[in-house]
Amino acid sequence: AGTGIAELIALEMSKQ
């Protein structure tokens, strides 16, 4: 865990 997690969540939310 570290950096990019928030961006990954945002990307997954954008996919849906």
C-alpha atoms as a PDB file:
ATOM      1  CA  ALA A   1       0.000   0.000   0.000  1.00  0.00           C
ATOM      2  CA  GLY A   2       1.285   3.454  -0.806  1.00  0.00           C
ATOM      3  CA  THR A   3       0.688   5.644  -3.820  1.00  0.00           C
ATOM      4  CA  GLY A   4      -1.815   5.335  -6.612  1.00  0.00           C
ATOM      5  CA  ILE A   5      -4.470   3.563  -4.573  1.00  0.00           C
ATOM      6  CA  ALA A   6      -6.855   6.517  -4.673  1.00  0.00           C
ATOM      7  CA  GLU A   7      -6.309   6.788  -8.419  1.00  0.00           C
ATOM      8  CA  LEU A   8      -7.022   3.086  -8.874  1.00  0.00           C
ATOM      9  CA  ILE A   9     -10.295   3.432  -6.976  1.00  0.00           C
ATOM     10  CA  ALA A  10     -11.241   6.445  -9.061  1.00  0.00           C
ATOM     11  CA  LEU A  11     -10.468   4.503 -12.233  1.00  0.00           C
ATOM     12  CA  GLU A  12     -12.605   1.563 -11.153  1.00  0.00           C
ATOM     13  CA  MET A  13     -15.452   3.909 -10.250  1.00  0.00           C
ATOM     14  CA  SER A  14     -15.131   5.584 -13.650  1.00  0.00           C
ATOM     15  CA  LYS A  15     -15.360   2.189 -15.352  1.00  0.00           C
ATOM     16  CA  GLN A  16     -18.736   1.574 -13.753  1.00  0.00           C
END
